[in-house]
């Protein structure tokens, strides 16, 4: 069993973005090993134990970067920071332990193609639960490992990232069983050809509108440890203004995008820094979208207020009339869940104590609707779905990945966000403080990408798109069908077993 744990762990470490070498195909070894653990286990307890252990080790390798924001920017000692990725991996490992348990149970009743089908449905169901339960954290979404290979992720336009993960799991399990069941050999070959052929054909026959809408991204590369120091505020504004003027002089964009919390002050207040940004937008006749914290006074006398992680549009007249407040906050970073029961404060103190926004509409510039996603909102399919449902013709993700330092997290974050472009059939514009900033087309191909930890402007043309993908049109149906089919198949096992015993 320990050898299978090792296979699954190495598959996750190499398959997902990592500091050494990413080989997406290796990620299939993760569900393959978890399935094998379940099929070889002699008890439900053993299946869960080794499945959970494989998930724990895989998670530690994928979440190790958590130590950086907690210790370096959270100001907490190493003996608190170091266990954080282990605790998270242990919690997420429960899902993988349950998957092995499911395969243990299914393996006693099913064989061949039905077993592969149930494995795929179970994996997709568990990933959807990961994205929802306890606010959700679908960071190790299997489909995201294949984002560097655009041809392999086109299925997300049909089934979404979770559905595609289920198909990839079916492929992995079919490959595992082919020496025992001839039918699974045919299934593995068919799925491999189908995924590749559909991807290649969709890419080669894509006939979207011409990319003619110019956008500039500004990557300020501001030191996260210094950006909130009042002494650096003027230098920060000046740096973004200088890079913006360079972009405008070279490219003449319709809008310039600054990252999440690019402005380290309350933009709603009347300050010289706000005035400088307004003058820049007005004099250059170029709208600017920038992130900054915001507040709402609840009780002025009691000095009670709430904070928002906000994106502002400063239009070409210098007015800031449109905005977006982040809806899905980072637990233990931007807010403290179960605060009354947990005996410590937030793990990242510098992030602020925020409340979520609601009923956010796309930001509209000259008739083009930009669907906003702030930071890790880009890893949640439902938020991109919501923005497109409200009319977004381009998806805009602003983030500040400086928290992660020189780890694999920015690459993992980018790979997850790329799937939103394919799912929704939209151009994705991603602006970050230290990288990775990028322009991604509706097929998940990166058309322009920044260099990490370099102050620069990135320019490209995008195309506003109003057509929707099959995934978008059938979003609710797909999710319900995955859950319903999973439950139905397990229900049939239980019914069949009881009838046989009678």
Protein backbone atom coordinates (compact mmCIF):
# COMPACT_ATOMS: atom_id res chain seq x y z
CA UNK A 1 0.00 0.00 0.00
CA UNK A 2 2.81 2.41 0.77
CA UNK A 3 4.10 2.06 -2.78
CA UNK A 4 0.67 3.15 -4.07
CA UNK A 5 0.73 6.11 -1.70
CA UNK A 6 4.09 7.05 -3.17
CA UNK A 7 2.79 6.73 -6.75
CA UNK A 8 -0.18 8.98 -6.00
CA UNK A 9 1.95 11.51 -4.14
CA UNK A 10 4.56 11.80 -6.89
CA UNK A 11 1.81 12.03 -9.49
CA UNK A 12 0.30 15.04 -7.73
CA UNK A 13 3.64 16.68 -7.06
CA UNK A 14 4.76 16.41 -10.68
CA UNK A 15 1.36 16.79 -12.33
CA UNK A 16 0.43 20.10 -10.73
CA UNK A 17 2.59 23.20 -11.07
CA UNK A 18 5.74 22.89 -8.96
CA UNK A 19 9.15 24.59 -8.69
CA UNK A 20 11.02 21.81 -10.53
CA UNK A 21 9.18 20.40 -13.56
CA UNK A 22 5.48 20.07 -14.34
CA UNK A 23 4.36 17.13 -16.46
CA UNK A 24 0.53 17.31 -16.57
CA UNK A 25 0.02 13.67 -17.54
CA UNK A 26 1.59 12.61 -14.24
CA UNK A 27 -1.45 14.02 -12.43
CA UNK A 28 -3.48 11.01 -13.60
CA UNK A 29 -1.36 8.84 -11.32
CA UNK A 30 -3.11 10.50 -8.38
CA UNK A 31 -6.67 9.20 -8.99
CA UNK A 32 -5.17 5.98 -10.39
CA UNK A 33 -3.29 5.29 -7.15
CA UNK A 34 -6.27 6.22 -4.97
CA UNK A 35 -8.45 3.82 -6.95
CA UNK A 36 -5.85 1.07 -6.68
CA UNK A 37 -5.69 1.63 -2.92
CA UNK A 38 -9.44 1.16 -2.70
CA UNK A 39 -9.47 -1.97 -4.85
CA UNK A 40 -6.61 -3.60 -2.92
CA UNK A 41 -7.79 -2.67 0.56
CA UNK A 42 -9.04 -5.46 2.79
CA UNK A 43 -11.36 -3.19 4.76
CA UNK A 44 -13.13 0.14 4.54
CA UNK A 45 -10.87 1.47 7.31
CA UNK A 46 -7.72 0.52 5.42
CA UNK A 47 -9.01 2.10 2.21
CA UNK A 48 -9.71 5.38 3.98
CA UNK A 49 -6.43 5.39 5.92
CA UNK A 50 -4.16 4.97 2.93
CA UNK A 51 -6.31 7.14 0.64
CA UNK A 52 -6.21 9.90 3.24
CA UNK A 53 -2.46 9.47 3.70
CA UNK A 54 -1.88 9.79 -0.07
CA UNK A 55 -4.05 12.91 -0.09
CA UNK A 56 -2.14 14.32 2.89
CA UNK A 57 1.27 13.92 1.25
CA UNK A 58 0.02 15.17 -2.10
CA UNK A 59 -1.52 18.21 -0.42
CA UNK A 60 1.62 19.08 1.51
CA UNK A 61 3.54 19.21 -1.78
CA UNK A 62 0.86 21.37 -3.41
CA UNK A 63 0.10 23.69 -0.46
CA UNK A 64 3.60 24.15 1.02
CA UNK A 65 3.54 27.80 -0.08
CA UNK A 66 1.09 28.62 2.73
CA UNK A 67 4.06 29.01 5.08
CA UNK A 68 5.16 32.19 3.23
CA UNK A 69 2.07 34.40 3.78
CA UNK A 70 1.51 33.11 7.30
CA UNK A 71 5.07 33.63 8.56
CA UNK A 72 6.54 36.36 6.35
CA UNK A 73 3.47 38.58 6.01
CA UNK A 74 1.29 37.28 8.82
CA UNK A 75 3.99 37.86 11.40
CA UNK A 76 3.40 34.52 13.07
CA UNK A 77 6.26 32.31 14.32
CA UNK A 78 7.50 29.39 12.26
CA UNK A 79 6.07 26.78 14.65
CA UNK A 80 2.58 28.08 13.81
CA UNK A 81 3.24 28.72 10.09
CA UNK A 82 4.91 25.38 9.36
CA UNK A 83 1.93 23.18 10.32
CA UNK A 84 -0.55 25.24 8.25
CA UNK A 85 -0.11 23.38 4.94
CA UNK A 86 -0.12 20.09 6.86
CA UNK A 87 -3.41 20.93 8.56
CA UNK A 88 -4.98 22.02 5.27
CA UNK A 89 -3.65 18.93 3.48
CA UNK A 90 -5.02 16.73 6.26
CA UNK A 91 -8.46 18.28 5.88
CA UNK A 92 -8.45 18.00 2.08
CA UNK A 93 -7.11 14.45 2.39
CA UNK A 94 -10.49 13.43 3.81
CA UNK A 95 -12.00 13.82 0.35
CA UNK A 96 -9.36 11.55 -1.16
CA UNK A 97 -9.79 9.03 1.64
CA UNK A 98 -13.51 8.97 0.87
CA UNK A 99 -12.73 8.41 -2.81
CA UNK A 100 -10.66 5.33 -1.94
CA UNK A 101 -13.50 4.13 0.28
CA UNK A 102 -15.91 4.57 -2.61
CA UNK A 103 -13.63 2.54 -4.86
CA UNK A 104 -13.34 -0.14 -2.17
CA UNK A 105 -17.10 -0.46 -2.03
CA UNK A 106 -17.66 -0.18 -5.78
CA UNK A 107 -14.92 -2.68 -6.55
CA UNK A 108 -16.89 -5.38 -4.72
CA UNK A 109 -19.96 -4.84 -6.87
CA UNK A 110 -18.80 -3.49 -10.22
CA UNK A 111 -16.16 -4.23 -12.81
CA UNK A 112 -14.95 -2.86 -16.12
CA UNK A 113 -16.57 0.21 -17.66
CA UNK A 114 -19.26 0.71 -14.96
CA UNK A 115 -16.50 0.90 -12.35
CA UNK A 116 -14.65 3.50 -14.43
CA UNK A 117 -17.83 5.51 -14.88
CA UNK A 118 -18.56 5.52 -11.16
CA UNK A 119 -14.97 6.55 -10.40
CA UNK A 120 -15.32 9.56 -12.69
CA UNK A 121 -18.68 10.58 -11.24
CA UNK A 122 -17.41 10.19 -7.68
CA UNK A 123 -14.31 12.27 -8.36
CA UNK A 124 -16.34 15.04 -10.00
CA UNK A 125 -18.83 15.04 -7.12
CA UNK A 126 -16.08 15.27 -4.53
CA UNK A 127 -14.39 18.14 -6.39
CA UNK A 128 -17.68 20.03 -6.44
CA UNK A 129 -17.97 19.48 -2.69
CA UNK A 130 -14.40 20.76 -2.29
CA UNK A 131 -15.46 23.93 -4.07
CA UNK A 132 -18.47 24.48 -1.82
CA UNK A 133 -18.17 22.90 1.63
CA UNK A 134 -16.84 25.24 4.38
CA UNK A 135 -16.53 28.08 1.82
CA UNK A 136 -14.67 25.85 -0.64
CA UNK A 137 -11.06 25.33 -1.67
CA UNK A 138 -10.84 23.50 -5.06
CA UNK A 139 -7.12 24.25 -5.41
CA UNK A 140 -6.08 20.78 -6.57
CA UNK A 141 -8.71 20.54 -9.28
CA UNK A 142 -7.43 17.70 -11.50
CA UNK A 143 -8.30 19.46 -14.76
CA UNK A 144 -6.15 22.47 -13.80
CA UNK A 145 -3.02 20.32 -14.02
CA UNK A 146 -3.62 20.15 -17.78
CA UNK A 147 -3.95 23.91 -18.30
CA UNK A 148 -0.44 24.10 -19.85
CA UNK A 149 -1.82 21.83 -22.61
CA UNK A 150 -4.75 23.80 -24.09
CA UNK A 151 -5.88 20.90 -26.31
CA UNK A 152 -6.45 18.78 -23.19
CA UNK A 153 -8.82 21.20 -21.42
CA UNK A 154 -11.32 21.99 -24.19
CA UNK A 155 -13.77 19.58 -22.59
CA UNK A 156 -14.30 22.24 -19.91
CA UNK A 157 -16.39 24.15 -22.45
CA UNK A 158 -18.80 21.19 -22.41
CA UNK A 159 -18.64 19.84 -18.85
CA UNK A 160 -16.78 22.46 -16.83
CA UNK A 161 -13.58 21.90 -14.86
CA UNK A 162 -15.19 19.47 -12.41
CA UNK A 163 -16.81 17.43 -15.16
CA UNK A 164 -13.53 17.32 -17.08
CA UNK A 165 -11.78 16.09 -13.94
CA UNK A 166 -14.30 13.27 -13.83
CA UNK A 167 -13.53 12.30 -17.42
CA UNK A 168 -9.79 12.37 -16.71
CA UNK A 169 -10.36 10.14 -13.68
CA UNK A 170 -12.32 7.69 -15.86
CA UNK A 171 -9.33 7.60 -18.19
CA UNK A 172 -6.91 6.95 -15.32
CA UNK A 173 -9.03 4.14 -13.87
CA UNK A 174 -9.57 2.58 -17.32
CA UNK A 175 -5.79 2.57 -17.81
CA UNK A 176 -5.42 0.89 -14.41
CA UNK A 177 -7.90 -1.89 -15.23
CA UNK A 178 -7.07 -2.59 -18.88
CA UNK A 179 -5.01 -5.71 -18.12
CA UNK A 180 -8.00 -7.21 -16.30
CA UNK A 181 -10.92 -6.03 -18.42
CA UNK A 182 -10.52 -5.76 -22.19
CA UNK A 183 -13.42 -3.29 -22.33
CA UNK A 184 -11.49 -0.76 -20.25
CA UNK A 185 -8.61 -0.91 -22.72
CA UNK A 186 -11.01 0.24 -25.42
CA UNK A 187 -12.41 2.86 -23.06
CA UNK A 188 -8.98 4.28 -22.21
CA UNK A 189 -8.04 4.46 -25.89
CA UNK A 190 -11.39 6.03 -26.79
CA UNK A 191 -11.18 8.64 -24.04
CA UNK A 192 -7.58 9.51 -24.92
CA UNK A 193 -8.42 9.94 -28.59
CA UNK A 194 -11.64 11.79 -27.75
CA UNK A 195 -10.02 14.31 -25.42
CA UNK A 196 -7.16 15.01 -27.81
CA UNK A 197 -9.24 15.02 -31.01
CA UNK A 198 -11.94 17.27 -29.58
CA UNK A 199 -9.30 19.65 -28.25
CA UNK A 200 -7.36 19.85 -31.50
CA UNK A 201 -10.52 20.22 -33.61
CA UNK A 202 -12.00 22.89 -31.36
CA UNK A 203 -8.78 24.89 -31.41
CA UNK A 204 -8.25 24.55 -35.15
CA UNK A 205 -11.88 25.41 -36.00
CA UNK A 206 -12.41 28.17 -33.44
CA UNK A 207 -13.93 31.12 -35.25
CA UNK A 208 -14.40 33.79 -32.63
CA UNK A 209 -14.50 37.52 -33.28
CA UNK A 210 -11.26 39.27 -34.10
CA UNK A 211 -9.33 40.50 -31.07
CA UNK A 212 -9.40 44.25 -31.61
CA UNK A 213 -10.10 45.72 -28.17
CA UNK A 214 -6.78 46.98 -26.69
CA UNK A 215 -6.11 46.53 -22.97
CA UNK A 216 -2.97 47.22 -20.95
CA UNK A 217 -1.97 45.47 -17.71
CA UNK A 218 0.30 47.20 -15.23
CA UNK A 219 2.43 44.95 -13.03
CA UNK A 220 3.91 47.21 -10.37
CA UNK A 221 6.04 44.62 -8.55
CA UNK A 222 5.58 46.44 -5.26
CA UNK A 223 7.22 44.84 -2.23
CA UNK A 224 4.41 43.30 -0.19
CA UNK A 225 6.26 43.98 3.04
CA UNK A 226 6.51 47.71 2.35
CA UNK A 227 3.43 48.62 0.28
CA UNK A 228 1.27 49.49 3.31
CA UNK A 229 3.90 51.78 4.82
CA UNK A 230 2.62 55.38 4.42
CA UNK A 231 6.10 56.47 3.38
CA UNK A 232 5.83 54.31 0.24
CA UNK A 233 2.36 55.44 -0.85
CA UNK A 234 3.57 58.29 -3.03
CA UNK A 235 6.25 56.10 -4.63
CA UNK A 236 3.67 53.39 -5.33
CA UNK A 237 1.28 55.78 -7.05
CA UNK A 238 4.14 57.30 -9.04
CA UNK A 239 5.36 53.88 -10.18
CA UNK A 240 1.93 52.84 -11.44
CA UNK A 241 1.46 56.21 -13.13
CA UNK A 242 4.83 55.98 -14.89
CA UNK A 243 4.15 52.46 -16.17
CA UNK A 244 0.67 53.51 -17.26
CA UNK A 245 1.97 56.46 -19.27
CA UNK A 246 4.50 54.15 -20.93
CA UNK A 247 1.74 51.71 -21.88
CA UNK A 248 -0.48 54.49 -23.22
CA UNK A 249 2.30 56.01 -25.30
CA UNK A 250 3.11 52.64 -26.88
CA UNK A 251 -0.29 51.04 -27.23
CA UNK A 252 -3.24 53.45 -26.69
CA UNK A 253 -5.42 51.01 -24.72
CA UNK A 254 -9.14 51.41 -24.13
CA UNK A 255 -8.58 50.64 -20.45
CA UNK A 256 -5.59 50.11 -18.15
CA UNK A 257 -5.79 47.43 -15.46
CA UNK A 258 -3.96 47.72 -12.14
CA UNK A 259 -3.83 44.76 -9.70
CA UNK A 260 -5.73 43.93 -6.54
CA UNK A 261 -5.03 46.53 -3.80
CA UNK A 262 -2.62 48.30 -6.15
CA UNK A 263 -3.47 51.49 -4.27
CA UNK A 264 -2.51 50.93 -0.58
CA UNK A 265 -4.94 53.51 0.79
CA UNK A 266 -8.70 54.12 0.90
CA UNK A 267 -9.42 55.32 -2.60
CA UNK A 268 -12.82 56.65 -1.57
CA UNK A 269 -11.17 59.28 0.66
CA UNK A 270 -10.13 62.65 -0.70
CA UNK A 271 -6.36 62.38 -0.69
CA UNK A 272 -3.58 63.70 -2.94
CA UNK A 273 -2.97 60.12 -4.10
CA UNK A 274 -6.56 59.67 -5.26
CA UNK A 275 -6.40 63.04 -7.00
CA UNK A 276 -3.23 61.97 -8.81
CA UNK A 277 -4.93 58.84 -10.18
CA UNK A 278 -7.98 60.83 -11.26
CA UNK A 279 -5.82 63.41 -13.05
CA UNK A 280 -3.88 60.61 -14.75
CA UNK A 281 -7.06 59.03 -16.11
CA UNK A 282 -8.54 62.38 -17.14
CA UNK A 283 -5.43 63.84 -18.79
CA UNK A 284 -4.64 60.62 -20.65
CA UNK A 285 -8.31 60.08 -21.55
CA UNK A 286 -7.86 56.46 -20.52
CA UNK A 287 -10.01 54.64 -17.93
CA UNK A 288 -8.14 52.85 -15.13
CA UNK A 289 -9.36 49.91 -13.08
CA UNK A 290 -7.51 49.62 -9.79
CA UNK A 291 -7.86 47.69 -6.57
CA UNK A 292 -7.88 49.26 -3.13
CA UNK A 293 -9.44 48.59 0.27
CA UNK A 294 -12.72 50.34 0.98
CA UNK A 295 -14.93 50.87 3.99
CA UNK A 296 -18.53 51.52 4.94
CA UNK A 297 -19.37 53.35 8.16
CA UNK A 298 -21.93 51.52 10.28
CA UNK A 299 -21.86 53.77 13.35
CA UNK A 300 -19.76 56.93 13.18
CA UNK A 301 -20.01 57.68 16.90
CA UNK A 302 -18.93 54.18 17.89
CA UNK A 303 -16.34 54.20 15.10
CA UNK A 304 -17.83 51.00 13.75
CA UNK A 305 -17.25 50.17 10.09
CA UNK A 306 -16.78 47.26 7.69
CA UNK A 307 -14.07 46.76 5.08
CA UNK A 308 -14.29 45.65 1.45
CA UNK A 309 -11.69 44.39 -1.00
CA UNK A 310 -12.72 46.60 -3.89
CA UNK A 311 -11.99 47.27 -7.54
CA UNK A 312 -12.70 50.80 -8.79
CA UNK A 313 -13.18 52.10 -12.30
CA UNK A 314 -11.76 55.60 -12.71
CA UNK A 315 -13.26 56.70 -16.03
CA UNK A 316 -11.69 59.03 -18.57
CA UNK A 317 -13.25 62.04 -16.83
CA UNK A 318 -11.62 61.13 -13.53
CA UNK A 319 -14.82 59.96 -11.86
CA UNK A 320 -15.05 56.70 -9.89
CA UNK A 321 -18.68 55.63 -10.26
CA UNK A 322 -18.44 51.88 -10.91
CA UNK A 323 -16.96 49.34 -8.53
CA UNK A 324 -16.83 45.67 -7.57
CA UNK A 325 -16.50 44.28 -4.04
CA UNK A 326 -14.93 40.87 -3.65
CA UNK A 327 -17.60 38.29 -2.83
CA UNK A 328 -15.65 35.14 -1.96
CA UNK A 329 -13.15 36.02 0.75
CA UNK A 330 -10.13 33.98 1.82
CA UNK A 331 -10.86 32.26 5.16
CA UNK A 332 -8.25 32.87 7.87
CA UNK A 333 -6.72 35.53 5.59
CA UNK A 334 -9.40 38.10 4.81
CA UNK A 335 -11.85 37.04 7.49
CA UNK A 336 -11.98 34.68 10.43
CA UNK A 337 -14.54 31.86 10.21
CA UNK A 338 -15.91 30.41 13.46
CA UNK A 339 -14.28 33.34 15.25
CA UNK A 340 -16.15 32.72 18.48
CA UNK A 341 -14.77 29.18 18.77
CA UNK A 342 -11.21 29.54 17.44
CA UNK A 343 -8.69 30.83 20.04
CA UNK A 344 -6.40 32.76 17.67
CA UNK A 345 -6.57 35.65 15.24
CA UNK A 346 -6.30 35.61 11.46
CA UNK A 347 -3.25 33.86 10.02
CA UNK A 348 -2.43 36.81 7.74
CA UNK A 349 -2.94 39.95 9.80
CA UNK A 350 -1.89 42.36 7.04
CA UNK A 351 -4.72 41.34 4.74
CA UNK A 352 -7.46 43.08 6.71
CA UNK A 353 -10.83 42.01 8.11
CA UNK A 354 -13.23 42.17 5.19
CA UNK A 355 -16.89 41.49 4.53
CA UNK A 356 -18.10 40.10 1.19
CA UNK A 357 -19.76 42.22 -1.46
CA UNK A 358 -22.99 41.15 -3.12
CA UNK A 359 -25.04 41.75 -6.25
CA UNK A 360 -21.96 42.86 -8.18
CA UNK A 361 -22.48 43.75 -11.81
CA UNK A 362 -19.81 43.77 -14.53
CA UNK A 363 -17.88 47.01 -14.98
CA UNK A 364 -18.89 48.55 -18.31
CA UNK A 365 -16.57 50.65 -20.46
CA UNK A 366 -17.78 51.87 -23.87
CA UNK A 367 -20.33 49.07 -24.01
CA UNK A 368 -17.81 46.35 -23.10
CA UNK A 369 -18.76 44.50 -19.91
CA UNK A 370 -15.83 43.35 -17.79
CA UNK A 371 -16.77 40.56 -15.36
CA UNK A 372 -14.63 41.08 -12.27
CA UNK A 373 -13.01 38.34 -10.21
CA UNK A 374 -10.66 39.43 -7.42
CA UNK A 375 -7.76 37.19 -6.37
CA UNK A 376 -8.72 33.57 -5.76
CA UNK A 377 -12.30 34.16 -6.90
CA UNK A 378 -10.83 33.00 -10.21
CA UNK A 379 -10.66 29.40 -8.96
CA UNK A 380 -14.45 29.16 -8.49
CA UNK A 381 -16.49 28.31 -11.62
CA UNK A 382 -19.74 29.64 -10.16
CA UNK A 383 -18.40 33.20 -9.83
CA UNK A 384 -17.32 33.42 -13.47
CA UNK A 385 -20.65 31.84 -14.41
CA UNK A 386 -22.44 34.53 -12.44
CA UNK A 387 -20.55 37.38 -14.10
CA UNK A 388 -21.21 36.06 -17.61
CA UNK A 389 -24.86 35.51 -16.67
CA UNK A 390 -24.96 39.21 -15.79
CA UNK A 391 -23.61 40.19 -19.19
CA UNK A 392 -19.81 40.02 -18.96
CA UNK A 393 -18.19 39.76 -22.39
CA UNK A 394 -14.62 39.69 -20.98
CA UNK A 395 -13.45 38.18 -17.68
CA UNK A 396 -11.08 40.33 -15.63
CA UNK A 397 -9.12 38.83 -12.75
CA UNK A 398 -7.03 41.16 -10.59
CA UNK A 399 -4.84 39.59 -7.92
CA UNK A 400 -1.91 40.11 -5.61
CA UNK A 401 0.17 36.93 -5.63
CA UNK A 402 3.09 38.67 -3.94
CA UNK A 403 1.93 36.86 -0.78
CA UNK A 404 3.27 33.60 -2.21
CA UNK A 405 6.86 34.67 -2.87
CA UNK A 406 8.90 32.53 -5.25
CA UNK A 407 6.78 29.39 -4.89
CA UNK A 408 4.63 27.36 -7.25
CA UNK A 409 1.40 29.02 -6.02
CA UNK A 410 1.28 31.76 -8.72
CA UNK A 411 1.54 29.10 -11.44
CA UNK A 412 -1.09 26.95 -9.74
CA UNK A 413 -3.33 30.00 -9.41
CA UNK A 414 -2.92 30.89 -13.08
CA UNK A 415 -3.66 27.32 -14.21
CA UNK A 416 -6.88 27.27 -12.20
CA UNK A 417 -7.99 30.64 -13.55
CA UNK A 418 -7.31 29.65 -17.16
CA UNK A 419 -10.16 27.13 -16.89
CA UNK A 420 -12.64 29.98 -16.40
CA UNK A 421 -11.80 31.27 -19.89
CA UNK A 422 -12.51 27.88 -21.47
CA UNK A 423 -15.64 27.20 -19.42
CA UNK A 424 -17.21 30.53 -20.32
CA UNK A 425 -15.74 31.04 -23.81
CA UNK A 426 -14.38 34.43 -22.82
CA UNK A 427 -11.08 36.26 -23.01
CA UNK A 428 -9.46 36.40 -19.59
CA UNK A 429 -7.33 39.38 -18.56
CA UNK A 430 -5.28 38.73 -15.43
CA UNK A 431 -3.45 41.58 -13.69
CA UNK A 432 -1.25 40.85 -10.68
CA UNK A 433 1.22 42.80 -8.55
CA UNK A 434 4.28 40.58 -8.97
CA UNK A 435 3.05 38.12 -11.60
CA UNK A 436 1.91 36.06 -13.24
CA UNK A 437 -0.07 38.58 -15.31
CA UNK A 438 -1.47 37.26 -18.57
CA UNK A 439 -3.91 37.50 -21.44
CA UNK A 440 -5.73 34.21 -22.06
CA UNK A 441 -7.94 33.56 -25.08
CA UNK A 442 -11.28 31.67 -24.93
CA UNK A 443 -9.43 28.42 -25.70
CA UNK A 444 -7.18 28.73 -22.66
CA UNK A 445 -4.11 29.76 -24.66
CA UNK A 446 -1.84 32.38 -23.12
CA UNK A 447 -1.31 35.08 -25.74
CA UNK A 448 0.87 37.33 -23.56
CA UNK A 449 2.44 36.76 -20.17
CA UNK A 450 4.54 38.86 -17.80
CA UNK A 451 7.83 38.06 -16.16
CA UNK A 452 7.50 37.45 -12.43
CA UNK A 453 8.94 40.03 -10.04
CA UNK A 454 9.45 42.60 -12.76
CA UNK A 455 7.76 45.98 -13.04
CA UNK A 456 6.32 46.17 -16.53
CA UNK A 457 3.27 46.82 -18.66
CA UNK A 458 1.70 44.10 -20.77
CA UNK A 459 -0.37 45.00 -23.83
CA UNK A 460 -2.69 42.88 -25.96
CA UNK A 461 -5.93 42.90 -27.93
CA UNK A 462 -8.95 40.97 -26.73
CA UNK A 463 -12.37 40.35 -28.21
CA UNK A 464 -15.61 40.97 -26.30
CA UNK A 465 -17.79 37.86 -26.79
CA UNK A 466 -21.49 37.43 -26.10
CA UNK A 467 -22.00 33.84 -27.27
CA UNK A 468 -22.07 31.24 -24.51
CA UNK A 469 -20.59 27.75 -24.20
CA UNK A 470 -22.60 24.53 -23.64
CA UNK A 471 -21.24 24.51 -20.10
CA UNK A 472 -22.58 27.98 -19.40
CA UNK A 473 -25.99 27.20 -20.89
CA UNK A 474 -26.31 23.92 -18.96
CA UNK A 475 -24.47 24.88 -15.78
CA UNK A 476 -27.12 23.80 -13.28
CA UNK A 477 -28.11 20.72 -15.26
CA UNK A 478 -24.50 19.46 -15.40
CA UNK A 479 -23.95 19.87 -11.65
CA UNK A 480 -27.25 18.24 -10.74
CA UNK A 481 -26.70 15.39 -13.19
CA UNK A 482 -23.27 14.57 -11.77
CA UNK A 483 -24.63 14.42 -8.25
CA UNK A 484 -27.78 12.54 -9.27
CA UNK A 485 -25.95 9.91 -11.32
CA UNK A 486 -23.42 9.36 -8.54
CA UNK A 487 -26.14 8.88 -5.93
CA UNK A 488 -28.21 6.71 -8.29
CA UNK A 489 -25.34 4.33 -9.02
CA UNK A 490 -24.51 3.91 -5.35
CA UNK A 491 -28.20 3.44 -4.60
CA UNK A 492 -28.37 0.64 -7.14
CA UNK A 493 -25.41 -1.07 -5.45
CA UNK A 494 -27.16 -1.02 -2.08
CA UNK A 495 -30.47 -2.20 -3.56
CA UNK A 496 -28.78 -4.96 -5.54
CA UNK A 497 -26.80 -6.16 -2.53
CA UNK A 498 -29.89 -6.38 -0.32
CA UNK A 499 -31.93 -8.19 -2.95
CA UNK A 500 -29.15 -10.73 -3.43
CA UNK A 501 -28.87 -11.35 0.32
CA UNK A 502 -32.60 -12.04 0.52
